[in-house]
């Protein structure tokens, strides 16, 4: 009985993952491999933001599509905005950076 329950759970979990990934890939018109690469790039940029003391990682949003990183949110200074862009540009897998961060006094 436990075996059947575990097998059922595994099948449902696998189907859910495939469905969720499939929907997001179809919506953005990119391959599954590109979707995974973009997710890794986004994670890498966010991790670098968290390590850098001059960038407020929680105030800046990062999204990646086909290697293009979109930065949005708020910065306390122009220097912080520029640093966030610099960090994103230096991250592996980034082809282009679009910086839409707004500087708030």
N, C-alpha and C. Protein backbone atom coordinates (compact mmCIF):
# COMPACT_ATOMS: atom_id res chain seq x y z
N UNK A 1 0.82 -1.19 0.00
CA UNK A 1 0.00 0.00 0.00
C UNK A 1 0.87 1.27 0.00
N UNK A 2 1.95 1.26 0.81
CA UNK A 2 2.84 2.41 0.84
C UNK A 2 3.52 2.62 -0.50
N UNK A 3 3.85 1.51 -1.17
CA UNK A 3 4.50 1.59 -2.47
C UNK A 3 3.58 2.26 -3.50
N UNK A 4 2.33 1.88 -3.51
CA UNK A 4 1.36 2.46 -4.44
C UNK A 4 1.18 3.94 -4.16
N UNK A 5 1.09 4.30 -2.89
CA UNK A 5 0.93 5.70 -2.49
C UNK A 5 2.14 6.53 -2.92
N UNK A 6 3.34 5.99 -2.69
CA UNK A 6 4.56 6.69 -3.07
C UNK A 6 4.66 6.84 -4.58
N UNK A 7 4.31 5.80 -5.29
CA UNK A 7 4.35 5.83 -6.75
C UNK A 7 3.34 6.86 -7.31
N UNK A 8 2.16 6.89 -6.72
CA UNK A 8 1.14 7.85 -7.14
C UNK A 8 1.62 9.28 -6.88
N UNK A 9 2.19 9.51 -5.71
CA UNK A 9 2.70 10.84 -5.37
C UNK A 9 3.80 11.26 -6.34
N UNK A 10 4.72 10.35 -6.64
CA UNK A 10 5.81 10.66 -7.56
C UNK A 10 5.28 10.99 -8.96
N UNK A 11 4.30 10.24 -9.40
CA UNK A 11 3.72 10.49 -10.72
C UNK A 11 3.02 11.85 -10.78
N UNK A 12 2.28 12.18 -9.73
CA UNK A 12 1.60 13.48 -9.69
C UNK A 12 2.59 14.63 -9.61
N UNK A 13 3.64 14.46 -8.81
CA UNK A 13 4.66 15.51 -8.69
C UNK A 13 5.37 15.72 -10.03
N UNK A 14 5.71 14.64 -10.69
CA UNK A 14 6.37 14.73 -12.00
C UNK A 14 5.48 15.39 -13.04
N UNK A 15 4.22 15.03 -13.06
CA UNK A 15 3.29 15.63 -14.01
C UNK A 15 3.11 17.12 -13.73
N UNK A 16 3.08 17.48 -12.46
CA UNK A 16 2.93 18.90 -12.09
C UNK A 16 4.13 19.71 -12.56
N UNK A 17 5.32 19.18 -12.36
CA UNK A 17 6.53 19.90 -12.76
C UNK A 17 6.57 20.08 -14.28
N UNK A 18 6.25 19.04 -15.01
CA UNK A 18 6.24 19.11 -16.47
C UNK A 18 5.20 20.11 -16.94
N UNK A 19 4.03 20.11 -16.33
CA UNK A 19 2.96 21.03 -16.71
C UNK A 19 3.34 22.47 -16.43
N UNK A 20 3.86 22.73 -15.25
CA UNK A 20 4.24 24.09 -14.88
C UNK A 20 5.34 24.60 -15.80
N UNK A 21 6.37 23.81 -16.01
CA UNK A 21 7.47 24.22 -16.89
C UNK A 21 6.98 24.40 -18.31
N UNK A 22 6.14 23.51 -18.78
CA UNK A 22 5.62 23.60 -20.13
C UNK A 22 4.82 24.86 -20.36
N UNK A 23 4.01 25.25 -19.38
CA UNK A 23 3.20 26.47 -19.50
C UNK A 23 4.09 27.70 -19.57
N UNK A 24 5.08 27.76 -18.73
CA UNK A 24 5.93 28.95 -18.72
C UNK A 24 6.77 29.03 -19.98
N UNK A 25 7.20 27.90 -20.49
CA UNK A 25 7.98 27.90 -21.72
C UNK A 25 7.12 28.33 -22.89
N UNK A 26 5.91 27.82 -22.99
CA UNK A 26 5.03 28.17 -24.10
C UNK A 26 4.66 29.65 -24.05
N UNK A 27 4.44 30.18 -22.86
CA UNK A 27 4.04 31.58 -22.71
C UNK A 27 5.13 32.52 -23.20
N UNK A 28 6.39 32.23 -22.90
CA UNK A 28 7.49 33.12 -23.25
C UNK A 28 8.13 32.79 -24.59
N UNK A 29 7.64 31.75 -25.27
CA UNK A 29 8.15 31.37 -26.58
C UNK A 29 9.65 31.08 -26.55
N UNK A 30 10.10 30.29 -25.59
CA UNK A 30 11.50 29.91 -25.54
C UNK A 30 11.57 28.42 -25.24
N UNK A 31 12.72 27.82 -25.51
CA UNK A 31 12.88 26.39 -25.28
C UNK A 31 13.01 26.12 -23.79
N UNK A 32 12.83 24.86 -23.41
CA UNK A 32 12.97 24.48 -22.01
C UNK A 32 14.39 24.73 -21.52
N UNK A 33 15.37 24.45 -22.37
CA UNK A 33 16.77 24.69 -21.99
C UNK A 33 17.06 26.16 -21.76
N UNK A 34 16.52 27.03 -22.62
CA UNK A 34 16.71 28.47 -22.44
C UNK A 34 16.02 28.95 -21.18
N UNK A 35 14.85 28.38 -20.88
CA UNK A 35 14.12 28.75 -19.67
C UNK A 35 14.95 28.41 -18.43
N UNK A 36 15.55 27.24 -18.42
CA UNK A 36 16.40 26.83 -17.28
C UNK A 36 17.63 27.72 -17.19
N UNK A 37 18.26 28.03 -18.34
CA UNK A 37 19.42 28.92 -18.34
C UNK A 37 19.07 30.29 -17.80
N UNK A 38 17.93 30.83 -18.23
CA UNK A 38 17.50 32.14 -17.76
C UNK A 38 17.22 32.14 -16.25
N UNK A 39 16.63 31.07 -15.76
CA UNK A 39 16.37 30.97 -14.32
C UNK A 39 17.68 30.95 -13.55
N UNK A 40 18.67 30.25 -14.08
CA UNK A 40 19.99 30.21 -13.44
C UNK A 40 20.66 31.57 -13.46
N UNK A 41 20.51 32.29 -14.58
CA UNK A 41 21.09 33.63 -14.68
C UNK A 41 20.45 34.57 -13.67
N UNK A 42 19.13 34.53 -13.57
CA UNK A 42 18.41 35.37 -12.61
C UNK A 42 18.89 35.07 -11.19
N UNK A 43 19.01 33.81 -10.86
CA UNK A 43 19.47 33.41 -9.53
C UNK A 43 20.89 33.90 -9.27
N UNK A 44 21.75 33.79 -10.26
CA UNK A 44 23.14 34.23 -10.09
C UNK A 44 23.23 35.74 -9.86
N UNK A 45 22.44 36.51 -10.61
CA UNK A 45 22.45 37.97 -10.44
C UNK A 45 21.93 38.32 -9.04
N UNK A 46 20.83 37.70 -8.62
CA UNK A 46 20.28 37.98 -7.29
C UNK A 46 21.26 37.61 -6.18
N UNK A 47 21.98 36.51 -6.36
CA UNK A 47 22.97 36.09 -5.36
C UNK A 47 24.10 37.11 -5.26
N UNK A 48 24.54 37.62 -6.41
CA UNK A 48 25.60 38.64 -6.39
C UNK A 48 25.10 39.93 -5.74
N UNK A 49 23.84 40.28 -5.97
CA UNK A 49 23.26 41.46 -5.31
C UNK A 49 23.28 41.27 -3.80
N UNK A 50 22.91 40.08 -3.35
CA UNK A 50 22.85 39.81 -1.91
C UNK A 50 24.23 39.88 -1.27
N UNK A 51 25.27 39.52 -2.01
CA UNK A 51 26.64 39.56 -1.49
C UNK A 51 27.21 40.97 -1.45
N UNK A 52 26.72 41.84 -2.31
CA UNK A 52 27.25 43.21 -2.42
C UNK A 52 26.55 44.12 -1.41
N UNK A 53 27.34 44.81 -0.60
CA UNK A 53 26.78 45.66 0.45
C UNK A 53 26.24 46.98 -0.07
N UNK A 54 26.58 47.35 -1.29
CA UNK A 54 26.11 48.64 -1.83
C UNK A 54 24.78 48.53 -2.58
N UNK A 55 24.31 47.30 -2.82
CA UNK A 55 23.07 47.09 -3.56
C UNK A 55 22.02 46.49 -2.62
N UNK A 56 20.85 47.12 -2.56
CA UNK A 56 19.74 46.60 -1.76
C UNK A 56 19.02 45.53 -2.58
N UNK A 57 19.40 44.29 -2.36
CA UNK A 57 18.89 43.17 -3.16
C UNK A 57 17.37 43.03 -3.08
N UNK A 58 16.79 43.40 -1.95
CA UNK A 58 15.34 43.25 -1.79
C UNK A 58 14.55 44.33 -2.52
N UNK A 59 15.20 45.40 -2.92
CA UNK A 59 14.51 46.51 -3.58
C UNK A 59 14.60 46.45 -5.10
N UNK A 60 15.39 45.52 -5.62
CA UNK A 60 15.60 45.44 -7.06
C UNK A 60 15.13 44.08 -7.57
N UNK A 61 14.29 44.11 -8.58
CA UNK A 61 13.76 42.90 -9.20
C UNK A 61 14.61 42.53 -10.41
N UNK A 62 14.82 41.24 -10.59
CA UNK A 62 15.62 40.74 -11.72
C UNK A 62 14.79 39.72 -12.49
N UNK A 63 14.66 39.94 -13.80
CA UNK A 63 14.01 38.98 -14.68
C UNK A 63 14.90 38.76 -15.90
N UNK A 64 14.94 37.52 -16.38
CA UNK A 64 15.80 37.21 -17.53
C UNK A 64 15.00 36.50 -18.61
N UNK A 65 15.19 36.92 -19.85
CA UNK A 65 14.55 36.28 -20.99
C UNK A 65 15.56 36.21 -22.12
N UNK A 66 15.91 35.00 -22.51
CA UNK A 66 16.89 34.77 -23.59
C UNK A 66 18.20 35.51 -23.36
N UNK A 67 18.66 35.54 -22.13
CA UNK A 67 19.94 36.16 -21.80
C UNK A 67 19.88 37.65 -21.56
N UNK A 68 18.72 38.27 -21.76
CA UNK A 68 18.56 39.70 -21.50
C UNK A 68 18.00 39.87 -20.09
N UNK A 69 18.74 40.58 -19.26
CA UNK A 69 18.35 40.80 -17.87
C UNK A 69 17.64 42.14 -17.76
N UNK A 70 16.45 42.12 -17.16
CA UNK A 70 15.67 43.34 -16.91
C UNK A 70 15.74 43.65 -15.42
N UNK A 71 16.30 44.81 -15.09
CA UNK A 71 16.37 45.26 -13.70
C UNK A 71 15.29 46.30 -13.48
N UNK A 72 14.55 46.17 -12.38
CA UNK A 72 13.54 47.16 -12.05
C UNK A 72 13.46 47.27 -10.54
N UNK A 73 12.81 48.32 -10.09
CA UNK A 73 12.70 48.55 -8.66
C UNK A 73 13.26 49.91 -8.31
N UNK A 74 13.76 50.02 -7.08
CA UNK A 74 14.21 51.32 -6.58
C UNK A 74 15.61 51.24 -5.99
N UNK A 75 16.37 52.32 -6.21
CA UNK A 75 17.72 52.46 -5.65
C UNK A 75 17.77 53.76 -4.86
N UNK A 76 18.65 53.81 -3.89
CA UNK A 76 18.80 55.01 -3.06
C UNK A 76 19.68 56.06 -3.71
N UNK A 77 20.49 55.64 -4.70
CA UNK A 77 21.39 56.58 -5.36
C UNK A 77 21.70 56.11 -6.78
N UNK A 78 22.25 57.02 -7.57
CA UNK A 78 22.68 56.67 -8.92
C UNK A 78 23.80 55.65 -8.87
N UNK A 79 24.66 55.76 -7.85
CA UNK A 79 25.77 54.82 -7.69
C UNK A 79 25.25 53.40 -7.47
N UNK A 80 24.19 53.26 -6.69
CA UNK A 80 23.61 51.93 -6.45
C UNK A 80 23.01 51.38 -7.73
N UNK A 81 22.33 52.21 -8.48
CA UNK A 81 21.74 51.79 -9.76
C UNK A 81 22.84 51.33 -10.72
N UNK A 82 23.91 52.12 -10.81
CA UNK A 82 25.03 51.77 -11.69
C UNK A 82 25.72 50.49 -11.25
N UNK A 83 25.86 50.31 -9.94
CA UNK A 83 26.51 49.10 -9.41
C UNK A 83 25.67 47.86 -9.72
N UNK A 84 24.37 47.98 -9.59
CA UNK A 84 23.48 46.85 -9.90
C UNK A 84 23.63 46.44 -11.37
N UNK A 85 23.68 47.43 -12.24
CA UNK A 85 23.85 47.15 -13.67
C UNK A 85 25.21 46.50 -13.93
N UNK A 86 26.23 47.00 -13.28
CA UNK A 86 27.58 46.45 -13.44
C UNK A 86 27.64 44.99 -12.99
N UNK A 87 27.01 44.70 -11.87
CA UNK A 87 26.98 43.32 -11.36
C UNK A 87 26.27 42.42 -12.36
N UNK A 88 25.12 42.88 -12.86
CA UNK A 88 24.36 42.07 -13.81
C UNK A 88 25.18 41.81 -15.08
N UNK A 89 25.84 42.84 -15.60
CA UNK A 89 26.64 42.69 -16.83
C UNK A 89 27.79 41.70 -16.65
N UNK A 90 28.34 41.64 -15.44
CA UNK A 90 29.49 40.76 -15.21
C UNK A 90 29.09 39.31 -14.89
N UNK A 91 27.81 39.03 -14.88
CA UNK A 91 27.33 37.69 -14.55
C UNK A 91 27.33 36.81 -15.80
N UNK A 92 27.81 35.59 -15.64
CA UNK A 92 27.88 34.63 -16.74
C UNK A 92 26.48 34.37 -17.31
N UNK A 93 26.39 34.37 -18.62
CA UNK A 93 25.12 34.08 -19.29
C UNK A 93 24.32 35.32 -19.66
N UNK A 94 24.77 36.49 -19.21
CA UNK A 94 24.05 37.73 -19.51
C UNK A 94 24.53 38.28 -20.85
N UNK A 95 23.60 38.48 -21.76
CA UNK A 95 23.92 39.04 -23.07
C UNK A 95 23.68 40.54 -23.11
N UNK A 96 22.65 40.98 -22.41
CA UNK A 96 22.26 42.39 -22.42
C UNK A 96 21.59 42.72 -21.09
N UNK A 97 21.71 43.97 -20.66
CA UNK A 97 21.06 44.43 -19.43
C UNK A 97 20.20 45.64 -19.76
N UNK A 98 18.96 45.58 -19.33
CA UNK A 98 18.04 46.73 -19.44
C UNK A 98 17.79 47.22 -18.03
N UNK A 99 18.25 48.41 -17.74
CA UNK A 99 18.19 48.94 -16.39
C UNK A 99 17.05 49.94 -16.26
N UNK A 100 15.96 49.51 -15.62
CA UNK A 100 14.79 50.37 -15.40
C UNK A 100 14.66 50.75 -13.92
N UNK A 101 15.75 50.68 -13.20
CA UNK A 101 15.74 51.01 -11.77
C UNK A 101 15.50 52.52 -11.62
N UNK A 102 14.65 52.88 -10.70
CA UNK A 102 14.34 54.28 -10.42
C UNK A 102 15.10 54.71 -9.17
N UNK A 103 15.78 55.85 -9.26
CA UNK A 103 16.52 56.36 -8.11
C UNK A 103 15.57 57.21 -7.26
N UNK A 104 15.45 56.81 -6.00
CA UNK A 104 14.63 57.55 -5.04
C UNK A 104 15.53 58.22 -4.02
N UNK A 105 15.24 59.47 -3.70
CA UNK A 105 16.07 60.16 -2.69
C UNK A 105 15.82 59.62 -1.29
